[in-house]
Amino acid sequence: MKDFFINFLDWIYKKKCYFCKSSKECVKMCSKCYDSLEHLQVKVNRYILESPIYCAGVYDKNLQKLIRGLKYHKQKDLSPYLAKFMWEYFKEITDKTNFQVVPVPIYPKREKIRKYNHMTLVAEEFCKLSGCTLNKDLIKRIKDTKPQYKLNKAERMQNLSNAFEVDEKNLLPMKILILDDICTTGSTFEEMIKEFKKHNIFDITCLAATTPFEE
């Protein structure tokens, strides 16, 4: 009933596409704008501490806007589109669903201010599509790190050093799939993998929505 009421209001007020402003489909991201998103070739982008890193899409205008809108501009209802884009890529790698999906956590104070972790929203939608199991409590960010985008590789590693902590009681008996939005130097994935390995957790795959650097 709630979804019907929301859809009815969307129809009345003609929800516009966040990208092209068209109201023809009355959705947050119209099919034309979604179809403009381009997947990268399905292959390992790089390995970090022996774990494969996959990057789903080309770092272009609409994918950038999708990530920024979701992450910085409170456009939470963009999360299903990013999740769908990432799942469409990842299902070409494997048809297995025995993964516990771990969204990259943000510091609790920052999450309180923002009121949500965008990657948790994406992970929830990803699990609905894939049949994987969400595990948002396995690893936490315990250090209030600076924004990464202005830092070089060495600065990013220092910034993220000892930033994560695994809670072993929340570990499920299945492989780990870490989800993040952008993989630039891979520093966030690297620090999370290091923390997992301290707890003898080794079967880890990482998936980012995009990377500025194709390898």
Protein backbone atom coordinates (compact mmCIF):
# COMPACT_ATOMS: atom_id res chain seq x y z
CA MET A 1 0.00 0.00 0.00
CA LYS A 2 2.84 2.38 0.88
CA ASP A 3 4.61 1.71 -2.45
CA PHE A 4 1.33 2.20 -4.33
CA PHE A 5 0.77 5.55 -2.59
CA ILE A 6 4.34 6.70 -3.35
CA ASN A 7 3.98 5.66 -7.00
CA PHE A 8 0.63 7.44 -7.18
CA LEU A 9 2.18 10.66 -5.85
CA ASP A 10 5.08 10.26 -8.28
CA TRP A 11 2.56 10.00 -11.10
CA ILE A 12 0.67 13.10 -9.93
CA TYR A 13 3.76 15.21 -9.47
CA LYS A 14 5.61 13.70 -12.43
CA LYS A 15 8.91 12.63 -10.89
CA LYS A 16 11.70 13.79 -13.18
CA CYS A 17 14.83 11.95 -14.18
CA TYR A 18 17.68 13.24 -12.02
CA PHE A 19 19.93 13.22 -15.07
CA CYS A 20 18.02 14.54 -18.09
CA LYS A 21 14.99 16.03 -16.25
CA SER A 22 12.55 14.09 -18.43
CA SER A 23 9.25 13.17 -16.73
CA LYS A 24 8.11 10.72 -19.42
CA GLU A 25 8.82 7.61 -17.34
CA CYS A 26 8.21 9.22 -13.94
CA VAL A 27 11.34 7.65 -12.45
CA LYS A 28 14.53 8.86 -10.80
CA MET A 29 16.69 7.55 -13.64
CA CYS A 30 15.06 7.03 -17.01
CA SER A 31 15.90 4.06 -19.20
CA LYS A 32 17.76 6.26 -21.70
CA CYS A 33 20.08 7.66 -19.04
CA TYR A 34 20.56 4.25 -17.42
CA ASP A 35 21.39 2.69 -20.78
CA SER A 36 24.03 5.38 -21.31
CA LEU A 37 26.07 3.86 -18.47
CA GLU A 38 28.88 1.79 -19.92
CA HIS A 39 30.37 -1.30 -18.34
CA LEU A 40 34.07 -1.96 -18.44
CA GLN A 41 35.41 -5.22 -19.86
CA VAL A 42 34.72 -8.06 -17.45
CA LYS A 43 38.13 -8.81 -16.00
CA VAL A 44 40.18 -8.30 -12.86
CA ASN A 45 41.19 -4.65 -12.67
CA ARG A 46 44.06 -5.42 -10.30
CA TYR A 47 45.03 -7.62 -7.38
CA ILE A 48 45.55 -6.21 -3.90
CA LEU A 49 47.18 -8.53 -1.37
CA GLU A 50 46.16 -11.43 -3.64
CA SER A 51 42.48 -10.42 -3.64
CA PRO A 52 40.89 -9.64 -7.01
CA ILE A 53 39.51 -6.13 -7.53
CA TYR A 54 36.77 -5.62 -10.13
CA CYS A 55 35.54 -2.25 -11.38
CA ALA A 56 32.17 -2.29 -13.09
CA GLY A 57 31.89 0.87 -15.14
CA VAL A 58 33.43 3.62 -17.20
CA TYR A 59 34.02 6.76 -15.15
CA ASP A 60 31.82 9.01 -17.28
CA LYS A 61 29.37 11.87 -16.72
CA ASN A 62 26.21 10.00 -15.73
CA LEU A 63 27.94 7.41 -13.56
CA GLN A 64 29.80 10.20 -11.75
CA LYS A 65 26.53 12.07 -11.22
CA LEU A 66 24.81 8.88 -10.02
CA ILE A 67 27.50 8.28 -7.39
CA ARG A 68 27.73 11.92 -6.29
CA GLY A 69 23.96 12.34 -6.07
CA LEU A 70 23.66 9.24 -3.91
CA LYS A 71 26.71 10.00 -1.79
CA TYR A 72 26.59 13.76 -1.27
CA HIS A 73 23.16 15.07 -2.28
CA LYS A 74 20.80 12.82 -0.32
CA GLN A 75 19.43 11.14 -3.45
CA LYS A 76 18.95 7.84 -1.66
CA ASP A 77 16.50 6.52 -4.23
CA LEU A 78 19.35 6.33 -6.74
CA SER A 79 20.77 3.33 -4.86
CA PRO A 80 18.79 0.67 -6.81
CA TYR A 81 20.24 1.95 -10.09
CA LEU A 82 23.84 1.76 -8.90
CA ALA A 83 23.21 -1.67 -7.39
CA LYS A 84 21.66 -2.92 -10.64
CA PHE A 85 24.61 -1.57 -12.65
CA MET A 86 27.11 -3.32 -10.36
CA TRP A 87 25.15 -6.59 -10.31
CA GLU A 88 24.79 -6.69 -14.10
CA TYR A 89 28.59 -6.57 -14.28
CA PHE A 90 29.29 -8.97 -11.42
CA LYS A 91 26.91 -11.69 -12.61
CA GLU A 92 29.09 -12.00 -15.73
CA ILE A 93 31.95 -13.00 -13.43
CA THR A 94 30.10 -15.64 -11.43
CA ASP A 95 26.63 -17.06 -11.00
CA LYS A 96 27.42 -18.03 -7.42
CA THR A 97 25.52 -16.25 -4.68
CA ASN A 98 27.31 -17.62 -1.61
CA PHE A 99 28.86 -14.25 -0.75
CA GLN A 100 28.41 -12.13 2.33
CA VAL A 101 28.26 -8.61 0.91
CA VAL A 102 30.18 -6.09 2.99
CA PRO A 103 29.66 -2.40 2.18
CA VAL A 104 32.61 -0.11 2.91
CA PRO A 105 31.69 1.45 6.27
CA ILE A 106 31.85 5.13 7.15
CA TYR A 107 32.70 6.61 10.53
CA PRO A 108 29.65 6.61 12.85
CA LYS A 109 29.77 10.38 13.43
CA ARG A 110 29.80 11.02 9.69
CA GLU A 111 26.98 8.54 9.13
CA LYS A 112 24.93 10.28 11.83
CA ILE A 113 25.39 13.63 10.09
CA ARG A 114 24.63 12.21 6.63
CA LYS A 115 21.88 10.00 8.08
CA TYR A 116 22.89 7.01 5.96
CA ASN A 117 25.81 5.13 4.43
CA HIS A 118 25.26 5.19 0.68
CA MET A 119 27.13 1.93 0.17
CA THR A 120 24.91 0.15 2.68
CA LEU A 121 21.90 1.24 0.62
CA VAL A 122 23.59 -0.06 -2.53
CA ALA A 123 24.55 -3.32 -0.82
CA GLU A 124 20.95 -3.88 0.32
CA GLU A 125 19.69 -3.50 -3.24
CA PHE A 126 22.57 -5.59 -4.63
CA CYS A 127 21.60 -8.45 -2.31
CA LYS A 128 17.96 -8.25 -3.40
CA LEU A 129 19.08 -8.68 -7.01
CA SER A 130 21.80 -11.27 -6.45
CA GLY A 131 20.49 -13.41 -3.62
CA CYS A 132 23.71 -12.75 -1.68
CA THR A 133 23.65 -12.07 2.08
CA LEU A 134 24.15 -8.57 3.44
CA ASN A 135 26.64 -8.30 6.31
CA LYS A 136 26.99 -4.67 7.33
CA ASP A 137 28.20 -5.45 10.86
CA LEU A 138 31.31 -7.48 10.08
CA ILE A 139 33.72 -4.56 9.85
CA LYS A 140 33.50 -1.03 11.20
CA ARG A 141 35.39 2.19 10.59
CA ILE A 142 36.90 3.24 13.92
CA LYS A 143 38.93 6.21 12.67
CA ASP A 144 37.46 9.48 11.42
CA THR A 145 39.54 9.73 8.25
CA LYS A 146 39.92 12.74 5.97
CA PRO A 147 38.29 12.73 2.50
CA GLN A 148 40.52 10.71 0.18
CA TYR A 149 40.09 12.53 -3.12
CA LYS A 150 42.77 15.19 -2.46
CA LEU A 151 45.38 12.74 -1.16
CA ASN A 152 48.09 10.85 -3.02
CA LYS A 153 48.70 7.11 -2.59
CA ALA A 154 51.04 7.45 0.40
CA GLU A 155 48.77 9.97 2.11
CA ARG A 156 45.74 7.76 1.53
CA MET A 157 47.47 4.78 3.12
CA GLN A 158 48.48 6.85 6.14
CA ASN A 159 45.00 8.33 6.40
CA LEU A 160 43.40 4.88 6.40
CA SER A 161 45.98 3.13 8.59
CA ASN A 162 44.19 1.22 11.38
CA ALA A 163 40.88 2.74 10.30
CA PHE A 164 38.92 -0.54 10.33
CA GLU A 165 38.09 -3.18 12.90
CA VAL A 166 36.60 -6.63 12.30
CA ASP A 167 33.98 -8.02 14.67
CA GLU A 168 34.54 -11.76 14.32
CA LYS A 169 31.28 -12.71 16.02
CA ASN A 170 29.47 -11.37 12.95
CA LEU A 171 31.47 -13.47 10.46
CA LEU A 172 29.33 -15.78 8.33
CA PRO A 173 30.64 -19.05 6.81
CA MET A 174 30.85 -17.73 3.26
CA LYS A 175 33.12 -15.73 0.98
CA ILE A 176 33.36 -11.97 1.32
CA LEU A 177 32.44 -9.44 -1.36
CA ILE A 178 33.36 -5.86 -0.44
CA LEU A 179 31.41 -3.13 -2.26
CA ASP A 180 32.59 0.45 -2.79
CA ASP A 181 31.76 3.26 -5.19
CA ILE A 182 35.11 4.38 -6.64
CA CYS A 183 38.44 2.56 -6.62
CA THR A 184 41.24 5.01 -7.33
CA THR A 185 44.46 3.80 -5.70
CA GLY A 186 42.73 0.88 -3.97
CA SER A 187 43.79 2.12 -0.52
CA THR A 188 40.40 1.54 1.11
CA PHE A 189 40.17 -2.02 -0.17
CA GLU A 190 43.78 -2.63 0.86
CA GLU A 191 43.29 -1.53 4.46
CA MET A 192 40.10 -3.56 4.78
CA ILE A 193 41.80 -6.66 3.35
CA LYS A 194 44.70 -6.20 5.78
CA GLU A 195 42.28 -6.07 8.70
CA PHE A 196 40.46 -9.19 7.50
CA LYS A 197 43.75 -11.06 7.12
CA LYS A 198 44.68 -10.23 10.73
CA HIS A 199 41.67 -12.39 11.61
CA ASN A 200 42.63 -15.18 9.19
CA ILE A 201 39.93 -14.21 6.71
CA PHE A 202 41.35 -14.65 3.23
CA ASP A 203 38.61 -15.41 0.68
CA ILE A 204 37.88 -11.83 -0.33
CA THR A 205 36.71 -10.25 -3.58
CA CYS A 206 36.24 -6.51 -4.07
CA LEU A 207 33.84 -4.75 -6.43
CA ALA A 208 33.78 -1.01 -7.11
CA ALA A 209 31.22 0.77 -9.25
CA THR A 210 33.97 2.51 -11.21
CA THR A 211 37.61 3.55 -11.41
CA PRO A 212 39.17 6.66 -12.94
CA PHE A 213 41.96 4.45 -14.19
CA GLU A 214 41.39 1.49 -16.51
CA GLU A 215 44.12 -1.16 -16.22
